[in-house]
C-alpha cells in the first residue's frame, strides 16, 4: 500500500502506563505515547455535528458485545450541533464552529475524562485540524478521515484501474484532504463531489423526495466530472449520514448504468483498529453502557435504521439527554 501523507496523531505525554488501548492504536499514534487507561474500564466518546455518527457508535457497541476488550466500557455519543439553522457554507460560521469545538473538547476532558474520542464526522474532522486543541490534546483523538483515506487507498491498491468518486459535504470536499492524502494514486483517479444539504435532508427524512432529488443532482454532477462514462468506478461515502442511504446510492447508480458499483463506507470500520491484536482474548465479556447526548433537541427517523446493528444504541437514542457541556 502507498504511504499516506501526514498520517500521524498527536497525543499528550502521560506518566501512567497503558494496557490494551495503547496496543490497539499503536498504528495511529507514536508507540511511546502513554494513554491513561485501566485494564478494566474504558470511556470512549463519539462526536458528530448531527446524528450520522450514531452508526459508528452502533457498530462499536455491537462489536464490544461480540468481542470483549475490557471488563466495562462506557460509550457516549455527543451531538455537538448547536444550531439547526446554521449555514456551513459560510466561512465566518466555520470559524465559529472551530472556536466552539475547541471549547467543547476542553469541557469534554474535564467532565468525562475519555480514554479515547472518535470524531465520527468528516466535516468536524476537517475543522478539528484548525483547532488549538489538536496542538496539545488532553486525550487521544481519532478522526474518520484517517479511516476514509485508508479505505480508499486499500481499494485503489486492489483495483489500480478504477477511479473513485468521493461524496461529502462542502467543507469536506473543499478542504481537498482526501485528494491530498491520495495524490500518489493520481489526481485524475480521485473525484470529490460536494453534496450541499444532503446530510440535513437525510436527518429530516431519509426517505423523502427531497433526499432523492438532492442525491440525484449530486450523482449527475459527479459523473459529469468523469472524462469517460466507460471508466470503471467505485464510490466512497465520506459523510457519516450517507451510510443511511447506501441503498439509494446503489439504486441511482444502477439506473445510470453502474449496476454492480462498489461502495466504500468507512462508518462501520472506524473502530476496526481497536479489534486487532493479542489482547482480544483477555476478557470473557465487556459490560457496555451506552449514552446519547445532544446540545439541541433531536428527533429522527434514523433510529430504526440502527435497529439491526445495535438495539442498545437505539434505546439510548430514544432516552437521550440534553448535553450540559460548560
C-alpha atoms as a PDB file:
ATOM      1  CA  UNK A   1       0.000   0.000   0.000  1.00  0.00           C
ATOM      2  CA  UNK A   2       1.145   3.549  -0.639  1.00  0.00           C
ATOM      3  CA  UNK A   3       2.185   5.522   2.414  1.00  0.00           C
ATOM      4  CA  UNK A   4      -0.380   8.149   3.380  1.00  0.00           C
ATOM      5  CA  UNK A   5       0.738  11.713   3.894  1.00  0.00           C
ATOM      6  CA  UNK A   6       0.637  13.229   7.388  1.00  0.00           C
ATOM      7  CA  UNK A   7      -0.703  10.031   8.904  1.00  0.00           C
ATOM      8  CA  UNK A   8       0.120  10.833  12.496  1.00  0.00           C
ATOM      9  CA  UNK A   9      -1.953  11.599  15.541  1.00  0.00           C
ATOM     10  CA  UNK A  10      -0.601  13.859  18.230  1.00  0.00           C
ATOM     11  CA  UNK A  11      -1.410  12.942  21.825  1.00  0.00           C
ATOM     12  CA  UNK A  12      -0.202  14.240  25.176  1.00  0.00           C
ATOM     13  CA  UNK A  13       2.513  12.577  27.177  1.00  0.00           C
ATOM     14  CA  UNK A  14       1.247  10.793  30.267  1.00  0.00           C
ATOM     15  CA  UNK A  15       3.088   9.209  33.147  1.00  0.00           C
ATOM     16  CA  UNK A  16       0.813   6.210  33.549  1.00  0.00           C
ATOM     17  CA  UNK A  17       1.431   3.092  31.504  1.00  0.00           C
ATOM     18  CA  UNK A  18      -1.456   1.754  29.422  1.00  0.00           C
ATOM     19  CA  UNK A  19      -2.698  -1.645  28.511  1.00  0.00           C
ATOM     20  CA  UNK A  20      -4.899  -2.834  25.643  1.00  0.00           C
ATOM     21  CA  UNK A  21      -5.967   0.509  24.138  1.00  0.00           C
ATOM     22  CA  UNK A  22      -2.391   1.695  23.729  1.00  0.00           C
ATOM     23  CA  UNK A  23      -1.630  -1.577  21.979  1.00  0.00           C
ATOM     24  CA  UNK A  24      -4.538  -1.269  19.579  1.00  0.00           C
ATOM     25  CA  UNK A  25      -3.976   2.318  18.471  1.00  0.00           C
ATOM     26  CA  UNK A  26      -0.229   1.986  18.122  1.00  0.00           C
ATOM     27  CA  UNK A  27      -0.642   2.136  14.357  1.00  0.00           C
ATOM     28  CA  UNK A  28      -2.255   5.563  14.655  1.00  0.00           C
ATOM     29  CA  UNK A  29      -0.078   7.292  17.244  1.00  0.00           C
ATOM     30  CA  UNK A  30       3.583   7.143  18.274  1.00  0.00           C
ATOM     31  CA  UNK A  31       4.104   3.940  20.310  1.00  0.00           C
ATOM     32  CA  UNK A  32       5.929   5.801  23.065  1.00  0.00           C
ATOM     33  CA  UNK A  33       2.846   7.834  23.972  1.00  0.00           C
ATOM     34  CA  UNK A  34       1.057   6.735  27.123  1.00  0.00           C
ATOM     35  CA  UNK A  35      -2.720   6.891  27.316  1.00  0.00           C
ATOM     36  CA  UNK A  36      -4.385   6.976  30.746  1.00  0.00           C
ATOM     37  CA  UNK A  37      -6.372   3.748  30.924  1.00  0.00           C
ATOM     38  CA  UNK A  38      -7.036   0.956  33.331  1.00  0.00           C
ATOM     39  CA  UNK A  39      -7.342  -2.579  32.052  1.00  0.00           C
ATOM     40  CA  UNK A  40     -10.882  -2.956  33.376  1.00  0.00           C
ATOM     41  CA  UNK A  41     -12.723   0.175  32.277  1.00  0.00           C
ATOM     42  CA  UNK A  42     -12.746   2.460  29.249  1.00  0.00           C
ATOM     43  CA  UNK A  43     -14.709   5.596  28.357  1.00  0.00           C
ATOM     44  CA  UNK A  44     -14.969   6.179  24.610  1.00  0.00           C
ATOM     45  CA  UNK A  45     -16.741   9.212  23.203  1.00  0.00           C
ATOM     46  CA  UNK A  46     -18.147   9.518  19.678  1.00  0.00           C
ATOM     47  CA  UNK A  47     -18.879  13.049  18.472  1.00  0.00           C
ATOM     48  CA  UNK A  48     -20.585  14.454  15.393  1.00  0.00           C
ATOM     49  CA  UNK A  49     -22.299  17.560  14.063  1.00  0.00           C
ATOM     50  CA  UNK A  50     -25.617  15.743  13.773  1.00  0.00           C
ATOM     51  CA  UNK A  51     -26.658  12.108  14.003  1.00  0.00           C
ATOM     52  CA  UNK A  52     -24.603  10.418  11.289  1.00  0.00           C
ATOM     53  CA  UNK A  53     -22.063   9.238  13.854  1.00  0.00           C
ATOM     54  CA  UNK A  54     -24.705   7.164  15.620  1.00  0.00           C
ATOM     55  CA  UNK A  55     -23.955   4.472  13.039  1.00  0.00           C
ATOM     56  CA  UNK A  56     -20.307   4.476  14.168  1.00  0.00           C
ATOM     57  CA  UNK A  57     -21.415   4.192  17.774  1.00  0.00           C
ATOM     58  CA  UNK A  58     -23.827   1.364  16.950  1.00  0.00           C
ATOM     59  CA  UNK A  59     -21.119  -0.643  15.194  1.00  0.00           C
ATOM     60  CA  UNK A  60     -18.676  -0.072  18.055  1.00  0.00           C
ATOM     61  CA  UNK A  61     -21.268  -1.030  20.682  1.00  0.00           C
ATOM     62  CA  UNK A  62     -22.170  -4.266  18.930  1.00  0.00           C
ATOM     63  CA  UNK A  63     -18.559  -5.265  18.375  1.00  0.00           C
ATOM     64  CA  UNK A  64     -17.716  -4.670  22.021  1.00  0.00           C
ATOM     65  CA  UNK A  65     -20.512  -7.038  22.972  1.00  0.00           C
ATOM     66  CA  UNK A  66     -19.277  -9.639  20.479  1.00  0.00           C
ATOM     67  CA  UNK A  67     -15.539  -9.119  21.026  1.00  0.00           C
ATOM     68  CA  UNK A  68     -14.683  -8.205  24.636  1.00  0.00           C
ATOM     69  CA  UNK A  69     -11.815  -5.766  25.103  1.00  0.00           C
ATOM     70  CA  UNK A  70     -12.202  -4.807  28.761  1.00  0.00           C
ATOM     71  CA  UNK A  71     -14.497  -5.507  31.696  1.00  0.00           C
ATOM     72  CA  UNK A  72     -16.590  -2.354  31.335  1.00  0.00           C
ATOM     73  CA  UNK A  73     -16.971   0.190  28.550  1.00  0.00           C
ATOM     74  CA  UNK A  74     -18.877   3.448  28.669  1.00  0.00           C
ATOM     75  CA  UNK A  75     -19.723   4.613  25.150  1.00  0.00           C
ATOM     76  CA  UNK A  76     -21.046   8.165  24.896  1.00  0.00           C
ATOM     77  CA  UNK A  77     -22.387   9.713  21.687  1.00  0.00           C
ATOM     78  CA  UNK A  78     -22.441  13.509  21.731  1.00  0.00           C
ATOM     79  CA  UNK A  79     -24.146  15.584  19.063  1.00  0.00           C
ATOM     80  CA  UNK A  80     -22.226  18.869  19.050  1.00  0.00           C
ATOM     81  CA  UNK A  81     -24.564  20.640  16.639  1.00  0.00           C
ATOM     82  CA  UNK A  82     -25.629  23.788  18.456  1.00  0.00           C
ATOM     83  CA  UNK A  83     -27.951  25.412  15.912  1.00  0.00           C
ATOM     84  CA  UNK A  84     -30.063  23.609  13.304  1.00  0.00           C
ATOM     85  CA  UNK A  85     -30.268  26.792  11.226  1.00  0.00           C
ATOM     86  CA  UNK A  86     -26.507  27.147  10.900  1.00  0.00           C
ATOM     87  CA  UNK A  87     -25.100  27.646   7.387  1.00  0.00           C
ATOM     88  CA  UNK A  88     -21.995  25.508   6.983  1.00  0.00           C
ATOM     89  CA  UNK A  89     -21.204  27.145   3.643  1.00  0.00           C
ATOM     90  CA  UNK A  90     -20.411  30.431   5.396  1.00  0.00           C
ATOM     91  CA  UNK A  91     -16.710  30.846   6.217  1.00  0.00           C
ATOM     92  CA  UNK A  92     -17.399  33.002   9.285  1.00  0.00           C
ATOM     93  CA  UNK A  93     -19.725  30.288  10.556  1.00  0.00           C
ATOM     94  CA  UNK A  94     -16.950  27.718  10.147  1.00  0.00           C
ATOM     95  CA  UNK A  95     -14.667  29.849  12.323  1.00  0.00           C
ATOM     96  CA  UNK A  96     -17.408  29.951  14.928  1.00  0.00           C
ATOM     97  CA  UNK A  97     -17.731  26.153  14.816  1.00  0.00           C
ATOM     98  CA  UNK A  98     -13.969  25.701  15.233  1.00  0.00           C
ATOM     99  CA  UNK A  99     -13.931  28.006  18.246  1.00  0.00           C
ATOM    100  CA  UNK A 100     -16.907  26.232  19.782  1.00  0.00           C
ATOM    101  CA  UNK A 101     -15.348  22.822  19.117  1.00  0.00           C
ATOM    102  CA  UNK A 102     -12.201  23.944  20.917  1.00  0.00           C
ATOM    103  CA  UNK A 103     -14.259  24.879  23.969  1.00  0.00           C
ATOM    104  CA  UNK A 104     -16.242  21.645  23.760  1.00  0.00           C
ATOM    105  CA  UNK A 105     -13.118  19.481  23.697  1.00  0.00           C
ATOM    106  CA  UNK A 106     -11.778  21.109  26.854  1.00  0.00           C
ATOM    107  CA  UNK A 107     -15.169  20.671  28.529  1.00  0.00           C
ATOM    108  CA  UNK A 108     -15.295  17.013  27.442  1.00  0.00           C
ATOM    109  CA  UNK A 109     -11.926  16.443  29.058  1.00  0.00           C
ATOM    110  CA  UNK A 110     -12.979  17.919  32.383  1.00  0.00           C
ATOM    111  CA  UNK A 111     -16.459  16.377  32.522  1.00  0.00           C
ATOM    112  CA  UNK A 112     -15.929  12.913  31.025  1.00  0.00           C
ATOM    113  CA  UNK A 113     -12.164  12.197  31.050  1.00  0.00           C
ATOM    114  CA  UNK A 114     -12.413   9.959  27.953  1.00  0.00           C
ATOM    115  CA  UNK A 115      -9.725   7.435  27.191  1.00  0.00           C
ATOM    116  CA  UNK A 116     -10.434   7.917  23.504  1.00  0.00           C
ATOM    117  CA  UNK A 117     -12.535  10.258  21.345  1.00  0.00           C
ATOM    118  CA  UNK A 118     -13.746   9.322  17.868  1.00  0.00           C
ATOM    119  CA  UNK A 119     -14.714  12.174  15.554  1.00  0.00           C
ATOM    120  CA  UNK A 120     -17.400  10.367  13.554  1.00  0.00           C
ATOM    121  CA  UNK A 121     -17.959  13.262  11.184  1.00  0.00           C
ATOM    122  CA  UNK A 122     -15.897  14.204   8.146  1.00  0.00           C
ATOM    123  CA  UNK A 123     -16.863  17.871   8.408  1.00  0.00           C
ATOM    124  CA  UNK A 124     -15.851  18.033  12.057  1.00  0.00           C
ATOM    125  CA  UNK A 125     -12.664  16.083  11.255  1.00  0.00           C
ATOM    126  CA  UNK A 126     -11.681  18.792   8.768  1.00  0.00           C
ATOM    127  CA  UNK A 127     -12.433  21.560  11.264  1.00  0.00           C
ATOM    128  CA  UNK A 128     -10.591  19.724  14.049  1.00  0.00           C
ATOM    129  CA  UNK A 129      -7.366  20.385  12.160  1.00  0.00           C
ATOM    130  CA  UNK A 130      -7.989  24.109  12.666  1.00  0.00           C
ATOM    131  CA  UNK A 131      -8.453  23.923  16.435  1.00  0.00           C
ATOM    132  CA  UNK A 132      -5.935  24.864  19.099  1.00  0.00           C
ATOM    133  CA  UNK A 133      -6.731  21.604  20.898  1.00  0.00           C
ATOM    134  CA  UNK A 134      -5.015  19.499  18.222  1.00  0.00           C
ATOM    135  CA  UNK A 135      -1.646  21.020  19.164  1.00  0.00           C
ATOM    136  CA  UNK A 136      -1.912  19.951  22.790  1.00  0.00           C
ATOM    137  CA  UNK A 137      -4.712  17.371  23.123  1.00  0.00           C
ATOM    138  CA  UNK A 138      -5.790  16.241  26.561  1.00  0.00           C
ATOM    139  CA  UNK A 139      -6.777  12.762  25.355  1.00  0.00           C
ATOM    140  CA  UNK A 140      -6.298  10.645  22.199  1.00  0.00           C
ATOM    141  CA  UNK A 141      -8.405  11.698  19.221  1.00  0.00           C
ATOM    142  CA  UNK A 142      -9.033   9.599  16.108  1.00  0.00           C
ATOM    143  CA  UNK A 143     -10.998  11.142  13.240  1.00  0.00           C
ATOM    144  CA  UNK A 144     -12.874   9.376  10.481  1.00  0.00           C
ATOM    145  CA  UNK A 145     -10.839  10.917   7.666  1.00  0.00           C
ATOM    146  CA  UNK A 146      -7.948   8.625   8.638  1.00  0.00           C
ATOM    147  CA  UNK A 147     -10.167   5.567   8.127  1.00  0.00           C
ATOM    148  CA  UNK A 148     -11.754   7.032   4.998  1.00  0.00           C
ATOM    149  CA  UNK A 149      -8.353   7.558   3.385  1.00  0.00           C
ATOM    150  CA  UNK A 150      -7.205   4.057   4.338  1.00  0.00           C
ATOM    151  CA  UNK A 151     -10.386   2.501   2.968  1.00  0.00           C
ATOM    152  CA  UNK A 152      -9.973   4.256  -0.382  1.00  0.00           C
ATOM    153  CA  UNK A 153      -6.230   3.532  -0.534  1.00  0.00           C
ATOM    154  CA  UNK A 154      -6.748  -0.194   0.026  1.00  0.00           C
ATOM    155  CA  UNK A 155      -9.361  -0.252  -2.726  1.00  0.00           C
ATOM    156  CA  UNK A 156      -7.133   1.608  -5.197  1.00  0.00           C
ATOM    157  CA  UNK A 157      -4.282  -0.782  -4.442  1.00  0.00           C
ATOM    158  CA  UNK A 158      -6.558  -3.695  -5.248  1.00  0.00           C
ATOM    159  CA  UNK A 159      -8.133  -2.101  -8.332  1.00  0.00           C
ATOM    160  CA  UNK A 160      -5.449   0.103  -9.927  1.00  0.00           C
ATOM    161  CA  UNK A 161      -7.584   0.872 -12.991  1.00  0.00           C
ATOM    162  CA  UNK A 162     -10.552   2.275 -11.114  1.00  0.00           C
ATOM    163  CA  UNK A 163     -11.494   5.854 -10.304  1.00  0.00           C
ATOM    164  CA  UNK A 164     -13.131   6.755  -7.000  1.00  0.00           C
ATOM    165  CA  UNK A 165     -15.927   9.291  -6.676  1.00  0.00           C
ATOM    166  CA  UNK A 166     -15.857  10.781  -3.176  1.00  0.00           C
ATOM    167  CA  UNK A 167     -19.152  12.179  -1.893  1.00  0.00           C
ATOM    168  CA  UNK A 168     -19.026  14.575   1.052  1.00  0.00           C
ATOM    169  CA  UNK A 169     -20.168  17.885   2.462  1.00  0.00           C
ATOM    170  CA  UNK A 170     -18.880  21.141   1.037  1.00  0.00           C
ATOM    171  CA  UNK A 171     -16.458  21.628   3.928  1.00  0.00           C
ATOM    172  CA  UNK A 172     -15.021  18.150   3.397  1.00  0.00           C
ATOM    173  CA  UNK A 173     -14.623  18.351  -0.361  1.00  0.00           C
ATOM    174  CA  UNK A 174     -13.435  21.974  -0.375  1.00  0.00           C
ATOM    175  CA  UNK A 175     -10.654  21.048   2.049  1.00  0.00           C
ATOM    176  CA  UNK A 176      -9.257  18.613  -0.566  1.00  0.00           C
ATOM    177  CA  UNK A 177      -7.890  16.498   2.288  1.00  0.00           C
ATOM    178  CA  UNK A 178      -8.796  13.233   0.585  1.00  0.00           C
ATOM    179  CA  UNK A 179      -7.192  14.300  -2.684  1.00  0.00           C
ATOM    180  CA  UNK A 180      -4.071  15.450  -0.869  1.00  0.00           C
ATOM    181  CA  UNK A 181      -3.675  12.218   1.069  1.00  0.00           C
ATOM    182  CA  UNK A 182      -4.294  10.120  -2.049  1.00  0.00           C
ATOM    183  CA  UNK A 183      -2.384  12.188  -4.610  1.00  0.00           C
ATOM    184  CA  UNK A 184       0.210   9.447  -5.127  1.00  0.00           C
ATOM    185  CA  UNK A 185      -2.511   7.374  -6.806  1.00  0.00           C
ATOM    186  CA  UNK A 186      -3.006  10.042  -9.462  1.00  0.00           C
ATOM    187  CA  UNK A 187      -5.117  13.157  -9.211  1.00  0.00           C
ATOM    188  CA  UNK A 188      -7.227  12.055 -12.175  1.00  0.00           C
ATOM    189  CA  UNK A 189      -8.394   8.966 -10.265  1.00  0.00           C
ATOM    190  CA  UNK A 190      -9.871  10.890  -7.313  1.00  0.00           C
ATOM    191  CA  UNK A 191     -13.009  12.940  -7.909  1.00  0.00           C
ATOM    192  CA  UNK A 192     -14.562  14.817  -4.985  1.00  0.00           C
ATOM    193  CA  UNK A 193     -18.217  15.804  -5.191  1.00  0.00           C
ATOM    194  CA  UNK A 194     -19.850  18.072  -2.651  1.00  0.00           C
ATOM    195  CA  UNK A 195     -23.463  17.395  -1.717  1.00  0.00           C
ATOM    196  CA  UNK A 196     -24.897  20.559  -0.151  1.00  0.00           C
ATOM    197  CA  UNK A 197     -27.778  19.934   2.254  1.00  0.00           C
ATOM    198  CA  UNK A 198     -27.905  16.175   1.657  1.00  0.00           C
ATOM    199  CA  UNK A 199     -26.924  15.348   5.251  1.00  0.00           C
ATOM    200  CA  UNK A 200     -29.540  17.725   6.608  1.00  0.00           C
ATOM    201  CA  UNK A 201     -32.204  16.220   4.359  1.00  0.00           C
ATOM    202  CA  UNK A 202     -31.282  12.687   5.418  1.00  0.00           C
ATOM    203  CA  UNK A 203     -31.606  13.674   9.058  1.00  0.00           C
ATOM    204  CA  UNK A 204     -35.015  15.275   8.497  1.00  0.00           C
ATOM    205  CA  UNK A 205     -36.359  12.341   6.497  1.00  0.00           C
ATOM    206  CA  UNK A 206     -34.049   9.928   4.705  1.00  0.00           C
ATOM    207  CA  UNK A 207     -36.972   8.563   2.664  1.00  0.00           C
ATOM    208  CA  UNK A 208     -38.220  11.943   1.421  1.00  0.00           C
ATOM    209  CA  UNK A 209     -38.470  13.135  -2.163  1.00  0.00           C
ATOM    210  CA  UNK A 210     -36.165  15.988  -1.201  1.00  0.00           C
ATOM    211  CA  UNK A 211     -33.431  13.491  -0.288  1.00  0.00           C
ATOM    212  CA  UNK A 212     -33.905  11.652  -3.584  1.00  0.00           C
ATOM    213  CA  UNK A 213     -33.663  14.849  -5.609  1.00  0.00           C
ATOM    214  CA  UNK A 214     -30.560  16.173  -3.853  1.00  0.00           C
ATOM    215  CA  UNK A 215     -28.862  12.795  -4.209  1.00  0.00           C
ATOM    216  CA  UNK A 216     -29.713  12.558  -7.902  1.00  0.00           C
ATOM    217  CA  UNK A 217     -28.287  16.020  -8.539  1.00  0.00           C
ATOM    218  CA  UNK A 218     -25.036  15.162  -6.713  1.00  0.00           C
ATOM    219  CA  UNK A 219     -24.593  11.912  -8.655  1.00  0.00           C
ATOM    220  CA  UNK A 220     -25.188  13.631 -12.006  1.00  0.00           C
ATOM    221  CA  UNK A 221     -22.587  16.272 -11.154  1.00  0.00           C
ATOM    222  CA  UNK A 222     -20.080  13.636 -10.060  1.00  0.00           C
ATOM    223  CA  UNK A 223     -20.497  11.567 -13.218  1.00  0.00           C
ATOM    224  CA  UNK A 224     -20.125  14.705 -15.326  1.00  0.00           C
ATOM    225  CA  UNK A 225     -16.625  15.085 -13.883  1.00  0.00           C
ATOM    226  CA  UNK A 226     -15.550  11.774 -15.412  1.00  0.00           C
ATOM    227  CA  UNK A 227     -13.582  12.102 -18.628  1.00  0.00           C
ATOM    228  CA  UNK A 228     -15.305   8.995 -19.949  1.00  0.00           C
ATOM    229  CA  UNK A 229     -18.539   7.319 -18.883  1.00  0.00           C
ATOM    230  CA  UNK A 230     -16.920   3.972 -19.741  1.00  0.00           C
ATOM    231  CA  UNK A 231     -14.449   4.216 -16.868  1.00  0.00           C
ATOM    232  CA  UNK A 232     -14.612   1.705 -14.043  1.00  0.00           C
ATOM    233  CA  UNK A 233     -15.524   3.499 -10.835  1.00  0.00           C
ATOM    234  CA  UNK A 234     -16.164   2.982  -7.155  1.00  0.00           C
ATOM    235  CA  UNK A 235     -17.818   5.473  -4.843  1.00  0.00           C
ATOM    236  CA  UNK A 236     -16.864   6.476  -1.319  1.00  0.00           C
ATOM    237  CA  UNK A 237     -19.393   7.848   1.180  1.00  0.00           C
ATOM    238  CA  UNK A 238     -17.415  10.384   3.185  1.00  0.00           C
ATOM    239  CA  UNK A 239     -20.150  11.845   5.297  1.00  0.00           C
ATOM    240  CA  UNK A 240     -21.403   9.569   8.065  1.00  0.00           C
ATOM    241  CA  UNK A 241     -25.002  10.474   7.198  1.00  0.00           C
ATOM    242  CA  UNK A 242     -24.658   9.000   3.706  1.00  0.00           C
ATOM    243  CA  UNK A 243     -24.338   5.461   5.023  1.00  0.00           C
ATOM    244  CA  UNK A 244     -28.009   5.599   5.990  1.00  0.00           C
ATOM    245  CA  UNK A 245     -28.979   5.815   2.310  1.00  0.00           C
ATOM    246  CA  UNK A 246     -26.425   3.425   0.846  1.00  0.00           C
ATOM    247  CA  UNK A 247     -29.222   1.547  -0.943  1.00  0.00           C
ATOM    248  CA  UNK A 248     -30.350   4.774  -2.600  1.00  0.00           C
ATOM    249  CA  UNK A 249     -26.810   5.419  -3.857  1.00  0.00           C
ATOM    250  CA  UNK A 250     -26.725   1.878  -5.243  1.00  0.00           C
ATOM    251  CA  UNK A 251     -30.110   2.273  -6.938  1.00  0.00           C
ATOM    252  CA  UNK A 252     -29.312   5.649  -8.511  1.00  0.00           C
ATOM    253  CA  UNK A 253     -26.019   4.395  -9.925  1.00  0.00           C
ATOM    254  CA  UNK A 254     -27.674   1.223 -11.229  1.00  0.00           C
ATOM    255  CA  UNK A 255     -30.181   3.390 -13.077  1.00  0.00           C
ATOM    256  CA  UNK A 256     -27.257   5.186 -14.715  1.00  0.00           C
ATOM    257  CA  UNK A 257     -25.511   2.092 -15.973  1.00  0.00           C
ATOM    258  CA  UNK A 258     -23.470   1.018 -12.937  1.00  0.00           C
ATOM    259  CA  UNK A 259     -25.447  -1.951 -11.564  1.00  0.00           C
ATOM    260  CA  UNK A 260     -22.637  -3.521  -9.523  1.00  0.00           C
ATOM    261  CA  UNK A 261     -20.819  -0.463  -8.293  1.00  0.00           C
ATOM    262  CA  UNK A 262     -18.505  -0.884  -5.310  1.00  0.00           C
ATOM    263  CA  UNK A 263     -19.483   1.390  -2.406  1.00  0.00           C
ATOM    264  CA  UNK A 264     -16.855   2.252   0.205  1.00  0.00           C
ATOM    265  CA  UNK A 265     -18.322   3.176   3.584  1.00  0.00           C
ATOM    266  CA  UNK A 266     -15.854   3.791   6.438  1.00  0.00           C
ATOM    267  CA  UNK A 267     -18.535   4.171   9.143  1.00  0.00           C
ATOM    268  CA  UNK A 268     -18.580   0.605  10.441  1.00  0.00           C
ATOM    269  CA  UNK A 269     -14.796   0.322  10.047  1.00  0.00           C
ATOM    270  CA  UNK A 270     -13.866   3.370  12.090  1.00  0.00           C
ATOM    271  CA  UNK A 271     -13.268   1.351  15.261  1.00  0.00           C
ATOM    272  CA  UNK A 272     -11.519  -1.560  13.492  1.00  0.00           C
ATOM    273  CA  UNK A 273      -8.148  -0.618  14.967  1.00  0.00           C
ATOM    274  CA  UNK A 274      -9.433  -1.492  18.440  1.00  0.00           C
ATOM    275  CA  UNK A 275     -10.301  -5.066  17.474  1.00  0.00           C
ATOM    276  CA  UNK A 276      -6.968  -6.470  16.434  1.00  0.00           C
ATOM    277  CA  UNK A 277      -4.004  -7.776  18.353  1.00  0.00           C
ATOM    278  CA  UNK A 278      -3.091 -10.203  21.055  1.00  0.00           C
ATOM    279  CA  UNK A 279      -5.231  -8.634  23.786  1.00  0.00           C
ATOM    280  CA  UNK A 280      -8.557  -9.709  22.318  1.00  0.00           C
ATOM    281  CA  UNK A 281      -8.781 -12.932  24.328  1.00  0.00           C
ATOM    282  CA  UNK A 282      -8.017 -11.388  27.720  1.00  0.00           C
ATOM    283  CA  UNK A 283     -11.644 -10.743  28.721  1.00  0.00           C
ATOM    284  CA  UNK A 284     -14.665 -13.029  28.656  1.00  0.00           C
ATOM    285  CA  UNK A 285     -17.233 -10.233  28.441  1.00  0.00           C
ATOM    286  CA  UNK A 286     -17.472  -6.463  28.165  1.00  0.00           C
ATOM    287  CA  UNK A 287     -20.317  -4.792  30.014  1.00  0.00           C
ATOM    288  CA  UNK A 288     -21.298  -1.939  27.693  1.00  0.00           C
ATOM    289  CA  UNK A 289     -23.044   1.197  28.917  1.00  0.00           C
ATOM    290  CA  UNK A 290     -24.380   3.407  26.107  1.00  0.00           C
ATOM    291  CA  UNK A 291     -25.459   7.042  26.364  1.00  0.00           C
ATOM    292  CA  UNK A 292     -26.667   9.577  23.799  1.00  0.00           C
ATOM    293  CA  UNK A 293     -26.301  13.290  24.473  1.00  0.00           C
ATOM    294  CA  UNK A 294     -27.172  16.257  22.289  1.00  0.00           C
ATOM    295  CA  UNK A 295     -26.738  20.005  22.561  1.00  0.00           C
ATOM    296  CA  UNK A 296     -30.116  20.508  20.922  1.00  0.00           C
ATOM    297  CA  UNK A 297     -33.402  18.543  20.945  1.00  0.00           C
ATOM    298  CA  UNK A 298     -33.288  15.683  18.438  1.00  0.00           C
ATOM    299  CA  UNK A 299     -35.947  13.625  16.738  1.00  0.00           C
ATOM    300  CA  UNK A 300     -35.230  11.495  13.717  1.00  0.00           C
ATOM    301  CA  UNK A 301     -36.450   8.518  11.750  1.00  0.00           C
ATOM    302  CA  UNK A 302     -32.840   7.314  11.522  1.00  0.00           C
ATOM    303  CA  UNK A 303     -33.103   5.333  14.746  1.00  0.00           C
ATOM    304  CA  UNK A 304     -34.956   2.448  13.113  1.00  0.00           C
ATOM    305  CA  UNK A 305     -32.121   2.021  10.622  1.00  0.00           C
ATOM    306  CA  UNK A 306     -29.817   1.262  13.550  1.00  0.00           C
ATOM    307  CA  UNK A 307     -32.094  -1.435  14.979  1.00  0.00           C
ATOM    308  CA  UNK A 308     -30.439  -4.306  13.048  1.00  0.00           C
ATOM    309  CA  UNK A 309     -26.993  -3.153  14.229  1.00  0.00           C
ATOM    310  CA  UNK A 310     -27.441  -2.305  17.908  1.00  0.00           C
ATOM    311  CA  UNK A 311     -30.703  -2.211  19.838  1.00  0.00           C
ATOM    312  CA  UNK A 312     -28.791  -0.873  22.800  1.00  0.00           C
ATOM    313  CA  UNK A 313     -27.873   2.197  20.747  1.00  0.00           C
ATOM    314  CA  UNK A 314     -31.477   2.671  19.626  1.00  0.00           C
ATOM    315  CA  UNK A 315     -32.716   2.543  23.215  1.00  0.00           C
ATOM    316  CA  UNK A 316     -30.101   5.100  24.228  1.00  0.00           C
ATOM    317  CA  UNK A 317     -31.181   7.332  21.346  1.00  0.00           C
ATOM    318  CA  UNK A 318     -34.810   7.329  22.436  1.00  0.00           C
ATOM    319  CA  UNK A 319     -33.678   8.089  26.001  1.00  0.00           C
ATOM    320  CA  UNK A 320     -31.175  10.774  25.068  1.00  0.00           C
ATOM    321  CA  UNK A 321     -30.336  13.673  27.356  1.00  0.00           C
ATOM    322  CA  UNK A 322     -29.527  17.268  26.552  1.00  0.00           C
ATOM    323  CA  UNK A 323     -25.810  17.900  26.966  1.00  0.00           C
ATOM    324  CA  UNK A 324     -24.663  20.215  29.723  1.00  0.00           C
ATOM    325  CA  UNK A 325     -21.166  20.941  28.437  1.00  0.00           C
ATOM    326  CA  UNK A 326     -19.830  24.035  30.147  1.00  0.00           C
END
